[in-house]
Amino acid sequence: MPFSGENMTSTVYRADRIFDGERVLTEHAVLVDDKRIVDVVPLSDVASDLPVEEHAGCTLLPGLIDTHMHFMGWQGAVFLAYGVTTIRDTGNDLSWILQCREEWRQRDWPRIISLGPLLDGTPPNHDQVARAVSDTDSAVAAVTETAAAGVDGIKLYASIAAEWIEPMVEASHAAGLKASMHCLPHGVLVAARAGIDEFYHLDGILADVWPDRPPGWLNVWGDPGFDQTWDRQQEVADTLATTEIVSTPTLAYWDSQWRIRVEGPYPQERRYMPDDLFEWSSATPDAELGAMWRRAWEAALAFQGLLNERGVPTLAGSDTPCGGILPGQSLWRELQLLVATGLSSRQALTCATSAAADFLDRPELGRLREGAHADLVIVGGDPTEAIPDQPDVRVVVRDGVRYNPDELLRPADTLDSTWRDEPWGRQFAQHGEKRRAQGD
């Protein structure tokens, strides 16, 4: 039966192909009515009285989900310009980010999912965006109180003691929330055995694959001797595949650390990112250190490849603005890098759409289907066959609101300077001062 526009305010979006979050469809269209998707139907089922918005040479996708980032207000419009309609903030000042989560519909921002502050040991690594704990009781209390504030998940950070992890996870699960972790220095296996649902950045594997490693972190990943741990890396990947843990590797951050030092930033990173923030969160040219970071990046890609081969679920997160990487653009780079680890382009897109929505328990996101939120992005070309790191985004629809990407992007020198007073603005300024004091 043809879908009719009678008594509806529908718009029909048509492109050469549709990726609905799982499949690629041709000769189909997406029907949107207000803030919801009515359906995805064959073109023959679309009545002639409905307006059709044609996009030849393009692909229509669900709005993308960046599952690991740290929000600042200036980022919102940039995310949308690159087709990211949902973001998950993985560490911020609690009251500030919850207020932002309430405001996203009134702003040119993606919808916001929040894990609240970083729950960290004493002293915390990032004191402007963290809650410090000092023992098991205070750690469990921090989880319970953060959950009660209404967050969407719990984030454990690097200075959490190993013996606190399991009771913190139990408290998180008791509140109906998943627990994610930055697993240094204890290792991913300790976290997985304690019930952690998701691990970040891959860096926690050092304790598992090279227990008698030299001191340090970057220099260990970039050490030629790291190659000698390959058999052990495979064993760790085998073990992780027997658990239910999910990997969010943030490969775009790894990539940025050698690229900016050796090749320099992308032009867009300098044009649309505040100058001070770029300097505070980025790196200075250094060919030798860049070469070490490149070896580390290659090792990270290889380990993520082992996880892929074993079917360990993976999500796409960028860690923007850390590393001087641009919101939205960096998520496309993440997808491209996931392809470099062995995923197909369609599988990589799934990591930022349906797989992300499933992990977040948000079935109304990440797919183009009846009843889903009207979040979609129209991109020139065919990213289901080859992911671009500089996408040609033509149209973005967030919660039924249509955006022109070019109108969202503003040069950094026109931005309101109040971003410096936001939690991560203060945090990066503090880190920048520390780096200057150390002569970096």
Protein backbone atom coordinates (compact mmCIF):
# COMPACT_ATOMS: atom_id res chain seq x y z
CA MET A 1 0.00 0.00 0.00
CA PRO A 2 1.56 3.34 -0.99
CA PHE A 3 2.51 5.71 1.83
CA SER A 4 0.54 8.96 1.50
CA GLY A 5 1.22 12.46 2.71
CA GLU A 6 -2.38 13.02 3.79
CA ASN A 7 -2.57 14.45 7.33
CA MET A 8 1.22 14.21 7.60
CA THR A 9 4.13 16.66 7.35
CA SER A 10 6.36 14.03 5.82
CA THR A 11 9.53 14.38 3.81
CA VAL A 12 10.91 11.57 1.70
CA TYR A 13 14.71 11.31 1.43
CA ARG A 14 16.11 9.39 -1.50
CA ALA A 15 19.72 8.61 -2.43
CA ASP A 16 21.47 6.10 -4.66
CA ARG A 17 21.82 3.79 -1.71
CA ILE A 18 20.75 3.58 1.92
CA PHE A 19 22.75 2.04 4.73
CA ASP A 20 20.13 1.44 7.41
CA GLY A 21 22.64 0.54 10.12
CA GLU A 22 22.88 -3.08 9.04
CA ARG A 23 22.15 -3.46 5.31
CA VAL A 24 22.66 -1.57 2.08
CA LEU A 25 19.43 -0.93 0.17
CA THR A 26 18.88 0.48 -3.30
CA GLU A 27 15.68 1.77 -4.85
CA HIS A 28 14.39 2.65 -1.38
CA ALA A 29 13.50 5.86 0.41
CA VAL A 30 13.33 7.06 4.01
CA LEU A 31 10.06 8.63 5.14
CA VAL A 32 10.41 11.20 7.94
CA ASP A 33 7.50 12.75 9.78
CA ASP A 34 8.44 15.41 12.32
CA LYS A 35 11.01 13.85 14.72
CA ARG A 36 10.57 10.20 13.77
CA ILE A 37 11.24 7.88 10.87
CA VAL A 38 7.96 6.53 9.52
CA ASP A 39 9.62 3.75 7.54
CA VAL A 40 12.17 2.76 4.93
CA VAL A 41 10.23 1.59 1.91
CA PRO A 42 10.65 0.66 -1.76
CA LEU A 43 10.25 3.64 -4.06
CA SER A 44 7.18 2.01 -5.56
CA ASP A 45 5.42 2.39 -2.19
CA VAL A 46 5.89 6.17 -2.02
CA ALA A 47 2.74 8.04 -3.03
CA SER A 48 3.02 10.82 -5.58
CA ASP A 49 1.63 13.41 -3.12
CA LEU A 50 4.71 13.19 -0.89
CA PRO A 51 7.63 15.59 -1.50
CA VAL A 52 10.79 13.69 -2.41
CA GLU A 53 14.24 15.15 -1.72
CA GLU A 54 16.56 13.57 -4.26
CA HIS A 55 20.31 13.13 -3.67
CA ALA A 56 21.93 11.58 -6.72
CA GLY A 57 25.43 10.17 -6.30
CA CYS A 58 24.98 9.96 -2.52
CA THR A 59 24.52 7.51 0.34
CA LEU A 60 22.00 7.97 3.14
CA LEU A 61 23.13 6.79 6.58
CA PRO A 62 21.81 6.87 10.14
CA GLY A 63 23.19 9.79 12.13
CA LEU A 64 26.59 8.71 13.44
CA ILE A 65 27.35 8.11 17.14
CA ASP A 66 30.72 9.07 18.63
CA THR A 67 30.96 6.83 21.68
CA HIS A 68 34.05 8.41 23.25
CA MET A 69 34.62 12.15 23.42
CA HIS A 70 34.77 15.04 25.90
CA PHE A 71 32.24 17.77 25.24
CA MET A 72 32.79 21.49 24.90
CA GLY A 73 30.07 23.79 23.63
CA TRP A 74 31.95 24.95 20.52
CA GLN A 75 32.09 21.34 19.31
CA GLY A 76 28.34 20.88 18.89
CA ALA A 77 27.87 22.49 15.48
CA VAL A 78 31.09 20.91 14.16
CA PHE A 79 29.88 17.44 15.12
CA LEU A 80 26.62 18.04 13.26
CA ALA A 81 28.45 19.35 10.21
CA TYR A 82 30.18 15.97 9.91
CA GLY A 83 26.98 13.94 10.41
CA VAL A 84 27.44 13.04 14.08
CA THR A 85 24.00 13.37 15.66
CA THR A 86 24.72 11.62 18.98
CA ILE A 87 27.76 11.90 21.24
CA ARG A 88 28.68 10.11 24.44
CA ASP A 89 30.70 12.25 26.80
CA THR A 90 33.09 9.98 28.69
CA GLY A 91 34.26 12.33 31.44
CA ASN A 92 33.22 15.83 32.39
CA ASP A 93 32.08 17.98 35.29
CA LEU A 94 28.87 16.31 36.44
CA SER A 95 26.51 19.26 36.83
CA TRP A 96 27.85 21.02 33.73
CA ILE A 97 27.45 18.06 31.37
CA LEU A 98 24.01 17.14 32.71
CA GLN A 99 22.90 20.71 32.04
CA CYS A 100 24.25 20.42 28.48
CA ARG A 101 22.36 17.15 28.08
CA GLU A 102 19.16 19.02 28.92
CA GLU A 103 19.87 21.77 26.39
CA TRP A 104 20.88 19.94 23.21
CA ARG A 105 17.53 20.36 21.47
CA GLN A 106 17.74 24.14 21.87
CA ARG A 107 21.25 24.27 20.45
CA ASP A 108 22.95 23.25 17.21
CA TRP A 109 24.33 20.22 19.06
CA PRO A 110 24.03 16.47 18.80
CA ARG A 111 21.99 14.69 21.46
CA ILE A 112 24.23 14.04 24.45
CA ILE A 113 24.75 10.85 26.43
CA SER A 114 26.87 11.29 29.56
CA LEU A 115 28.98 9.11 31.85
CA GLY A 116 29.43 11.96 34.32
CA PRO A 117 32.88 12.60 35.82
CA LEU A 118 35.97 10.45 35.61
CA LEU A 119 35.99 8.36 38.77
CA ASP A 120 39.68 8.31 39.64
CA GLY A 121 42.08 7.77 42.48
CA THR A 122 43.70 10.47 44.61
CA PRO A 123 44.97 12.78 43.22
CA PRO A 124 42.99 12.47 39.99
CA ASN A 125 44.74 12.82 36.64
CA HIS A 126 42.26 15.46 35.42
CA ASP A 127 40.97 17.26 38.48
CA GLN A 128 38.58 19.63 36.64
CA VAL A 129 36.49 16.76 35.28
CA ALA A 130 37.00 14.01 37.85
CA ARG A 131 35.76 12.81 41.21
CA ALA A 132 38.55 11.49 43.38
CA VAL A 133 38.15 8.40 45.58
CA SER A 134 40.56 6.97 48.12
CA ASP A 135 39.31 3.54 49.19
CA THR A 136 36.68 0.93 48.40
CA ASP A 137 33.92 2.64 50.36
CA SER A 138 34.43 6.04 48.74
CA ALA A 139 34.76 4.37 45.32
CA VAL A 140 31.43 2.58 45.67
CA ALA A 141 29.81 5.73 47.06
CA ALA A 142 31.05 7.69 44.03
CA VAL A 143 29.43 5.18 41.67
CA THR A 144 26.17 5.14 43.61
CA GLU A 145 25.92 8.92 43.86
CA THR A 146 26.92 9.50 40.25
CA ALA A 147 24.31 6.99 39.10
CA ALA A 148 21.68 8.66 41.27
CA ALA A 149 22.39 11.97 39.52
CA GLY A 150 20.97 10.45 36.34
CA VAL A 151 23.99 9.64 34.19
CA ASP A 152 23.91 7.11 31.35
CA GLY A 153 26.91 5.04 32.43
CA ILE A 154 29.95 4.98 34.72
CA LYS A 155 33.58 5.73 33.77
CA LEU A 156 36.49 4.41 35.84
CA TYR A 157 39.84 6.05 35.25
CA ALA A 158 43.49 5.07 35.41
CA SER A 159 44.27 5.57 39.12
CA ILE A 160 41.48 3.32 40.40
CA ALA A 161 43.03 0.56 42.54
CA ALA A 162 42.58 -2.96 41.22
CA GLU A 163 40.68 -4.11 44.31
CA TRP A 164 38.08 -1.35 43.88
CA ILE A 165 37.08 -2.33 40.34
CA GLU A 166 34.76 -5.25 41.09
CA PRO A 167 32.72 -3.52 43.82
CA MET A 168 32.45 -0.42 41.62
CA VAL A 169 31.20 -2.54 38.73
CA GLU A 170 28.70 -4.26 41.00
CA ALA A 171 27.39 -0.88 42.17
CA SER A 172 27.14 0.32 38.59
CA HIS A 173 25.26 -2.77 37.44
CA ALA A 174 22.96 -2.57 40.48
CA ALA A 175 22.00 0.91 39.27
CA GLY A 176 21.26 -0.46 35.79
CA LEU A 177 24.35 1.13 34.22
CA LYS A 178 27.29 -0.26 32.28
CA ALA A 179 30.81 0.43 33.52
CA SER A 180 33.63 1.49 31.20
CA MET A 181 37.31 1.84 32.06
CA HIS A 182 40.64 3.32 31.05
CA CYS A 183 42.55 0.21 32.16
CA LEU A 184 46.05 1.44 32.94
CA PRO A 185 47.96 0.27 34.90
CA HIS A 186 46.27 -3.01 35.90
CA GLY A 187 45.57 -4.48 32.48
CA VAL A 188 42.48 -5.31 30.49
CA LEU A 189 42.20 -8.85 31.87
CA VAL A 190 41.85 -7.59 35.46
CA ALA A 191 39.10 -5.25 34.30
CA ALA A 192 37.33 -7.92 32.25
CA ARG A 193 37.38 -10.41 35.11
CA ALA A 194 35.93 -7.74 37.40
CA GLY A 195 32.99 -7.32 35.01
CA ILE A 196 33.94 -4.10 33.20
CA ASP A 197 31.73 -3.79 30.12
CA GLU A 198 34.01 -1.70 27.90
CA PHE A 199 37.68 -0.77 27.77
CA TYR A 200 39.22 2.29 26.12
CA HIS A 201 42.31 3.13 24.10
CA LEU A 202 43.83 -0.43 24.07
CA ASP A 203 46.63 0.83 26.32
CA GLY A 204 45.70 -1.40 29.24
CA ILE A 205 47.02 -4.48 27.48
CA LEU A 206 50.65 -3.65 28.37
CA ALA A 207 50.37 -5.22 31.82
CA ASP A 208 48.88 -8.34 30.22
CA VAL A 209 51.17 -8.88 27.26
CA TRP A 210 54.52 -7.67 28.65
CA PRO A 211 54.54 -7.88 32.47
CA ASP A 212 58.34 -7.45 32.68
CA ARG A 213 58.32 -4.57 30.19
CA PRO A 214 60.64 -1.57 30.44
CA PRO A 215 59.27 1.44 32.33
CA GLY A 216 57.04 3.87 30.50
CA TRP A 217 54.04 3.64 28.23
CA LEU A 218 54.48 5.19 24.79
CA ASN A 219 58.08 4.08 24.60
CA VAL A 220 56.95 0.52 25.37
CA TRP A 221 54.30 0.41 22.65
CA GLY A 222 56.85 1.94 20.28
CA ASP A 223 59.72 -0.30 21.42
CA PRO A 224 60.85 -2.75 18.71
CA GLY A 225 60.82 -5.37 21.46
CA PHE A 226 57.04 -5.09 21.64
CA ASP A 227 56.89 -7.26 18.52
CA GLN A 228 58.25 -10.14 20.62
CA THR A 229 54.99 -10.17 22.60
CA TRP A 230 52.91 -11.20 19.56
CA ASP A 231 52.17 -14.72 20.82
CA ARG A 232 51.09 -13.32 24.17
CA GLN A 233 48.96 -10.68 22.45
CA GLN A 234 47.10 -13.47 20.69
CA GLU A 235 46.55 -15.25 24.02
CA VAL A 236 45.16 -12.07 25.58
CA ALA A 237 42.88 -11.54 22.60
CA ASP A 238 41.70 -15.17 22.94
CA THR A 239 40.86 -14.57 26.59
CA LEU A 240 39.03 -11.30 25.91
CA ALA A 241 36.92 -13.12 23.32
CA THR A 242 35.60 -15.39 26.08
CA THR A 243 34.29 -12.38 28.02
CA GLU A 244 31.59 -9.87 27.11
CA ILE A 245 33.90 -6.85 27.13
CA VAL A 246 33.73 -4.32 24.28
CA SER A 247 36.69 -2.45 22.77
CA THR A 248 36.55 1.28 22.01
CA PRO A 249 40.11 1.76 20.71
CA THR A 250 40.06 5.50 19.79
CA LEU A 251 42.55 4.87 17.00
CA ALA A 252 42.09 8.41 15.72
CA TYR A 253 43.87 9.67 18.84
CA TRP A 254 46.77 7.25 18.28
CA ASP A 255 46.93 8.38 14.66
CA SER A 256 46.98 12.06 15.58
CA GLN A 257 50.04 11.71 17.78
CA TRP A 258 52.41 10.66 15.03
CA ARG A 259 50.66 12.57 12.23
CA ILE A 260 50.69 16.00 13.90
CA ARG A 261 54.33 15.60 14.96
CA VAL A 262 55.53 14.43 11.53
CA GLU A 263 53.09 15.64 8.87
CA GLY A 264 51.24 18.38 10.71
CA PRO A 265 47.51 18.71 11.40
CA TYR A 266 44.72 18.59 8.87
CA PRO A 267 43.82 22.10 7.68
CA GLN A 268 40.34 21.69 9.18
CA GLU A 269 41.80 20.99 12.61
CA ARG A 270 43.47 24.37 12.64
CA ARG A 271 40.62 26.22 10.96
CA TYR A 272 37.71 25.07 13.12
CA MET A 273 39.42 24.32 16.45
CA PRO A 274 40.25 27.17 18.85
CA ASP A 275 43.93 28.05 18.59
CA ASP A 276 44.64 27.89 22.31
CA LEU A 277 42.87 24.57 22.67
CA PHE A 278 44.75 23.09 19.74
CA GLU A 279 48.06 24.15 21.27
CA TRP A 280 47.11 22.83 24.72
CA SER A 281 45.74 19.47 23.53
CA SER A 282 48.02 18.78 20.58
CA ALA A 283 51.72 18.14 20.04
CA THR A 284 54.69 20.04 18.64
CA PRO A 285 56.68 18.80 15.61
CA ASP A 286 59.20 16.15 16.65
CA ALA A 287 60.27 13.61 14.03
CA GLU A 288 61.90 11.20 16.50
CA LEU A 289 58.98 11.16 18.92
CA GLY A 290 56.59 11.02 15.98
CA ALA A 291 58.34 7.91 14.68
CA MET A 292 57.92 6.26 18.08
CA TRP A 293 54.24 7.17 18.11
CA ARG A 294 53.87 5.73 14.62
CA ARG A 295 55.31 2.40 15.76
CA ALA A 296 52.94 2.49 18.73
CA TRP A 297 50.01 3.30 16.43
CA GLU A 298 50.88 0.39 14.15
CA ALA A 299 51.07 -1.94 17.16
CA ALA A 300 47.66 -0.73 18.33
CA LEU A 301 46.15 -1.36 14.89
CA ALA A 302 47.58 -4.86 14.90
CA PHE A 303 46.15 -5.71 18.33
CA GLN A 304 42.72 -4.37 17.39
CA GLY A 305 42.98 -6.62 14.35
CA LEU A 306 43.37 -9.62 16.68
CA LEU A 307 40.21 -8.58 18.50
CA ASN A 308 38.36 -8.27 15.19
CA GLU A 309 39.42 -11.75 14.14
CA ARG A 310 37.99 -13.15 17.38
CA GLY A 311 34.73 -11.28 17.17
CA VAL A 312 35.29 -8.95 20.12
CA PRO A 313 32.67 -6.18 19.69
CA THR A 314 34.06 -2.77 18.78
CA LEU A 315 32.63 0.74 19.01
CA ALA A 316 33.77 3.89 17.22
CA GLY A 317 34.98 6.72 19.45
CA SER A 318 37.40 9.52 18.65
CA ASP A 319 38.51 10.99 22.03
CA THR A 320 38.18 14.50 20.56
CA PRO A 321 39.42 17.10 21.36
CA CYS A 322 42.37 15.21 22.88
CA GLY A 323 45.23 15.03 20.43
CA GLY A 324 44.14 18.19 18.66
CA ILE A 325 41.60 16.27 16.57
CA LEU A 326 38.44 17.85 15.22
CA PRO A 327 34.94 16.77 16.28
CA GLY A 328 33.17 14.73 13.63
CA GLN A 329 36.05 14.64 11.19
CA SER A 330 37.94 12.49 13.68
CA LEU A 331 35.10 9.94 13.84
CA TRP A 332 35.32 9.42 10.07
CA ARG A 333 39.06 8.95 10.51
CA GLU A 334 38.29 6.40 13.25
CA LEU A 335 36.08 4.47 10.84
CA GLN A 336 38.79 4.52 8.20
CA LEU A 337 41.30 3.19 10.72
CA LEU A 338 38.91 0.43 11.80
CA VAL A 339 38.94 -0.66 8.16
CA ALA A 340 42.74 -0.71 8.39
CA THR A 341 42.41 -3.23 11.26
CA GLY A 342 40.50 -5.63 9.03
CA LEU A 343 36.86 -4.58 9.20
CA SER A 344 34.91 -3.92 6.02
CA SER A 345 33.58 -0.43 5.45
CA ARG A 346 30.08 -1.63 6.29
CA GLN A 347 31.29 -3.23 9.51
CA ALA A 348 33.07 -0.01 10.46
CA LEU A 349 29.92 2.02 9.83
CA THR A 350 28.04 -0.40 12.07
CA CYS A 351 30.47 0.45 14.90
CA ALA A 352 29.22 4.07 14.76
CA THR A 353 25.54 3.24 14.20
CA SER A 354 23.63 0.09 15.15
CA ALA A 355 26.35 -1.55 17.28
CA ALA A 356 26.81 1.67 19.24
CA ALA A 357 23.05 2.01 19.76
CA ASP A 358 22.79 -1.59 20.97
CA PHE A 359 25.60 -1.17 23.50
CA LEU A 360 24.09 2.08 24.73
CA ASP A 361 20.67 0.43 25.06
CA ARG A 362 19.21 3.10 22.77
CA PRO A 363 17.19 1.18 20.14
CA GLU A 364 15.75 4.44 18.81
CA LEU A 365 19.23 5.45 17.56
CA GLY A 366 21.71 4.06 15.05
CA ARG A 367 19.23 2.62 12.55
CA LEU A 368 16.91 3.85 9.86
CA ARG A 369 13.68 2.07 10.65
CA GLU A 370 10.13 2.67 11.75
CA GLY A 371 9.91 4.61 15.01
CA ALA A 372 13.59 5.57 15.19
CA HIS A 373 14.62 9.16 15.80
CA ALA A 374 14.86 11.16 12.58
CA ASP A 375 18.66 11.29 12.64
CA LEU A 376 20.29 10.84 9.25
CA VAL A 377 23.21 12.02 7.16
CA ILE A 378 23.54 12.21 3.38
CA VAL A 379 27.10 11.82 2.09
CA GLY A 380 28.47 12.13 -1.42
CA GLY A 381 29.89 8.90 -2.81
CA ASP A 382 29.69 5.44 -1.29
CA PRO A 383 31.18 5.08 2.20
CA THR A 384 29.81 1.53 2.39
CA GLU A 385 32.61 0.59 -0.02
CA ALA A 386 35.36 3.03 1.03
CA ILE A 387 35.33 5.21 4.17
CA PRO A 388 36.60 8.74 3.50
CA ASP A 389 38.49 10.57 6.23
CA GLN A 390 37.30 13.85 4.67
CA PRO A 391 33.62 13.12 3.96
CA ASP A 392 31.47 15.09 1.55
CA VAL A 393 28.50 15.64 3.88
CA ARG A 394 25.57 17.19 2.00
CA VAL A 395 22.69 17.17 4.51
CA VAL A 396 22.31 16.34 8.20
CA VAL A 397 19.00 15.74 9.95
CA ARG A 398 19.05 15.64 13.76
CA ASP A 399 15.80 14.88 15.58
CA GLY A 400 13.89 15.93 12.48
CA VAL A 401 15.73 19.26 12.11
CA ARG A 402 17.51 19.68 8.77
CA TYR A 403 20.99 21.28 8.68
CA ASN A 404 23.27 22.53 5.93
CA PRO A 405 26.80 21.46 6.98
CA ASP A 406 28.47 24.51 5.43
CA GLU A 407 26.33 26.81 7.57
CA LEU A 408 27.37 25.00 10.75
CA LEU A 409 31.12 25.40 10.35
CA ARG A 410 32.58 28.65 11.66
CA PRO A 411 36.26 29.58 11.67
CA ALA A 412 37.80 29.25 15.11
CA ASP A 413 38.60 32.95 15.39
CA THR A 414 34.89 33.76 15.37
CA LEU A 415 34.04 31.49 18.31
CA ASP A 416 32.83 32.82 21.63
CA SER A 417 35.79 32.75 24.03
CA THR A 418 33.65 31.45 26.92
CA TRP A 419 34.76 27.91 26.04
CA ARG A 420 37.84 28.66 28.16
CA ASP A 421 35.60 28.74 31.25
CA GLU A 422 34.10 25.31 30.56
CA PRO A 423 35.45 22.31 32.51
CA TRP A 424 37.64 20.95 29.71
CA GLY A 425 38.74 24.47 28.77
CA ARG A 426 40.11 24.87 32.30
CA GLN A 427 41.57 21.37 32.22
CA PHE A 428 43.47 21.85 28.98
CA ALA A 429 44.72 25.25 30.11
CA GLN A 430 46.05 23.59 33.25
CA HIS A 431 47.76 20.86 31.24
CA GLY A 432 49.20 23.47 28.89
CA GLU A 433 50.71 25.40 31.77
CA LYS A 434 52.26 22.19 33.10
CA ARG A 435 53.76 21.36 29.71
CA ARG A 436 55.25 24.85 29.43
CA ALA A 437 56.72 24.57 32.92
CA GLN A 438 58.36 21.30 31.89
CA GLY A 439 59.75 22.91 28.76
CA ASP A 440 57.72 20.78 26.30
